[in-house]
Amino acid sequence: MKKITLLTLILFVNLLAFTQEKIEKSYKLPEVNIKTPEGQTFNTSNISNNGKPVIISFWATWCTNCVKELNSISEVYGDWQKETGVN
């Protein structure tokens, strides 16, 4: 019985490690070219914040929900920077 329990535990730990590795890889931002409001183009692969969060918000000034989102982000952005180093 102890051998089966130990084997099950080992398999579970290995599965957990494999799953965690897959999850971390899935959080990578896709590489796409984005045009800035000034007309310059940059690739998302160049975005880096030393492992800290980065917020990218696509919006339009005519979109009511987008404006609400930007206002909400603006209200808490300073706190986010202090807590997480978000960029």
C-alpha atoms as a PDB file:
ATOM      1  CA  MET A   1       0.000   0.000   0.000  1.00  0.00           C
ATOM      2  CA  LYS A   2       2.865   2.390   0.818  1.00  0.00           C
ATOM      3  CA  LYS A   3       4.430   1.754  -2.600  1.00  0.00           C
ATOM      4  CA  ILE A   4       1.200   2.599  -4.390  1.00  0.00           C
ATOM      5  CA  THR A   5       0.761   5.765  -2.344  1.00  0.00           C
ATOM      6  CA  LEU A   6       4.357   6.812  -2.992  1.00  0.00           C
ATOM      7  CA  LEU A   7       4.056   6.075  -6.716  1.00  0.00           C
ATOM      8  CA  THR A   8       0.809   8.055  -6.902  1.00  0.00           C
ATOM      9  CA  LEU A   9       2.425  10.977  -5.104  1.00  0.00           C
ATOM     10  CA  ILE A  10       5.435  10.956  -7.443  1.00  0.00           C
ATOM     11  CA  LEU A  11       3.180  10.859 -10.504  1.00  0.00           C
ATOM     12  CA  PHE A  12       1.073  13.701  -9.131  1.00  0.00           C
ATOM     13  CA  VAL A  13       4.121  15.907  -8.459  1.00  0.00           C
ATOM     14  CA  ASN A  14       5.481  15.246 -11.969  1.00  0.00           C
ATOM     15  CA  LEU A  15       2.107  16.028 -13.523  1.00  0.00           C
ATOM     16  CA  LEU A  16       1.860  19.223 -11.502  1.00  0.00           C
ATOM     17  CA  ALA A  17       5.346  20.341 -12.606  1.00  0.00           C
ATOM     18  CA  PHE A  18       4.567  19.596 -16.266  1.00  0.00           C
ATOM     19  CA  THR A  19       1.258  21.447 -16.073  1.00  0.00           C
ATOM     20  CA  GLN A  20       2.871  24.486 -14.443  1.00  0.00           C
ATOM     21  CA  GLU A  21       5.480  24.658 -17.213  1.00  0.00           C
ATOM     22  CA  LYS A  22       2.750  24.568 -19.870  1.00  0.00           C
ATOM     23  CA  ILE A  23       0.746  27.266 -18.089  1.00  0.00           C
ATOM     24  CA  GLU A  24       3.765  29.592 -17.877  1.00  0.00           C
ATOM     25  CA  LYS A  25       4.451  29.190 -21.599  1.00  0.00           C
ATOM     26  CA  SER A  26       0.823  29.964 -22.450  1.00  0.00           C
ATOM     27  CA  TYR A  27       1.091  33.431 -20.838  1.00  0.00           C
ATOM     28  CA  LYS A  28       3.569  34.641 -23.418  1.00  0.00           C
ATOM     29  CA  LEU A  29       2.316  37.580 -25.450  1.00  0.00           C
ATOM     30  CA  PRO A  30       1.955  36.748 -29.161  1.00  0.00           C
ATOM     31  CA  GLU A  31       4.433  38.507 -31.421  1.00  0.00           C
ATOM     32  CA  VAL A  32       2.570  41.071 -33.510  1.00  0.00           C
ATOM     33  CA  ASN A  33       3.378  44.437 -35.028  1.00  0.00           C
ATOM     34  CA  ILE A  34       1.452  47.352 -33.537  1.00  0.00           C
ATOM     35  CA  LYS A  35       1.229  50.870 -34.905  1.00  0.00           C
ATOM     36  CA  THR A  36       1.413  53.730 -32.414  1.00  0.00           C
ATOM     37  CA  PRO A  37      -0.807  56.821 -32.668  1.00  0.00           C
ATOM     38  CA  GLU A  38       2.279  58.603 -34.047  1.00  0.00           C
ATOM     39  CA  GLY A  39       2.459  56.089 -36.922  1.00  0.00           C
ATOM     40  CA  GLN A  40       5.523  54.189 -35.699  1.00  0.00           C
ATOM     41  CA  THR A  41       5.480  50.384 -35.686  1.00  0.00           C
ATOM     42  CA  PHE A  42       6.862  48.143 -32.957  1.00  0.00           C
ATOM     43  CA  ASN A  43       6.702  44.411 -32.268  1.00  0.00           C
ATOM     44  CA  THR A  44       5.256  43.086 -29.025  1.00  0.00           C
ATOM     45  CA  SER A  45       8.313  40.849 -28.617  1.00  0.00           C
ATOM     46  CA  ASN A  46      10.216  44.043 -27.691  1.00  0.00           C
ATOM     47  CA  ILE A  47       7.976  44.698 -24.679  1.00  0.00           C
ATOM     48  CA  SER A  48       9.766  43.899 -21.430  1.00  0.00           C
ATOM     49  CA  ASN A  49       9.336  44.861 -17.813  1.00  0.00           C
ATOM     50  CA  ASN A  50      11.732  42.412 -16.129  1.00  0.00           C
ATOM     51  CA  GLY A  51       9.006  39.897 -15.348  1.00  0.00           C
ATOM     52  CA  LYS A  52       6.624  42.476 -13.921  1.00  0.00           C
ATOM     53  CA  PRO A  53       3.129  42.969 -15.381  1.00  0.00           C
ATOM     54  CA  VAL A  54       2.565  45.038 -18.508  1.00  0.00           C
ATOM     55  CA  ILE A  55      -0.868  46.433 -19.373  1.00  0.00           C
ATOM     56  CA  ILE A  56      -1.845  46.752 -23.004  1.00  0.00           C
ATOM     57  CA  SER A  57      -5.293  48.179 -23.655  1.00  0.00           C
ATOM     58  CA  PHE A  58      -6.774  48.516 -27.132  1.00  0.00           C
ATOM     59  CA  TRP A  59      -9.508  51.130 -27.142  1.00  0.00           C
ATOM     60  CA  ALA A  60     -11.367  53.734 -29.129  1.00  0.00           C
ATOM     61  CA  THR A  61     -12.535  57.146 -27.946  1.00  0.00           C
ATOM     62  CA  TRP A  62     -16.038  56.483 -29.305  1.00  0.00           C
ATOM     63  CA  CYS A  63     -16.345  53.256 -27.244  1.00  0.00           C
ATOM     64  CA  THR A  64     -18.148  54.041 -23.972  1.00  0.00           C
ATOM     65  CA  ASN A  65     -16.915  50.894 -22.240  1.00  0.00           C
ATOM     66  CA  CYS A  66     -13.349  51.570 -23.384  1.00  0.00           C
ATOM     67  CA  VAL A  67     -13.425  55.046 -21.846  1.00  0.00           C
ATOM     68  CA  LYS A  68     -14.804  53.585 -18.581  1.00  0.00           C
ATOM     69  CA  GLU A  69     -11.992  51.014 -18.569  1.00  0.00           C
ATOM     70  CA  LEU A  70      -9.326  53.662 -19.142  1.00  0.00           C
ATOM     71  CA  ASN A  71     -10.758  55.832 -16.364  1.00  0.00           C
ATOM     72  CA  SER A  72     -10.789  52.838 -13.996  1.00  0.00           C
ATOM     73  CA  ILE A  73      -7.202  51.947 -14.866  1.00  0.00           C
ATOM     74  CA  SER A  74      -6.173  55.566 -14.389  1.00  0.00           C
ATOM     75  CA  GLU A  75      -7.661  55.619 -10.880  1.00  0.00           C
ATOM     76  CA  VAL A  76      -5.645  52.607  -9.655  1.00  0.00           C
ATOM     77  CA  TYR A  77      -2.557  52.786 -11.876  1.00  0.00           C
ATOM     78  CA  GLY A  78      -0.393  54.515  -9.262  1.00  0.00           C
ATOM     79  CA  ASP A  79      -1.240  51.817  -6.709  1.00  0.00           C
ATOM     80  CA  TRP A  80      -0.505  49.091  -9.277  1.00  0.00           C
ATOM     81  CA  GLN A  81       2.914  50.611  -9.961  1.00  0.00           C
ATOM     82  CA  LYS A  82       3.775  50.660  -6.259  1.00  0.00           C
ATOM     83  CA  GLU A  83       2.490  47.128  -5.616  1.00  0.00           C
ATOM     84  CA  THR A  84       3.678  45.292  -8.720  1.00  0.00           C
ATOM     85  CA  GLY A  85       5.912  47.553 -10.790  1.00  0.00           C
ATOM     86  CA  VAL A  86       3.400  47.390 -13.631  1.00  0.00           C
ATOM     87  CA  ASN A  87       4.326  49.335 -16.717  1.00  0.00           C
END
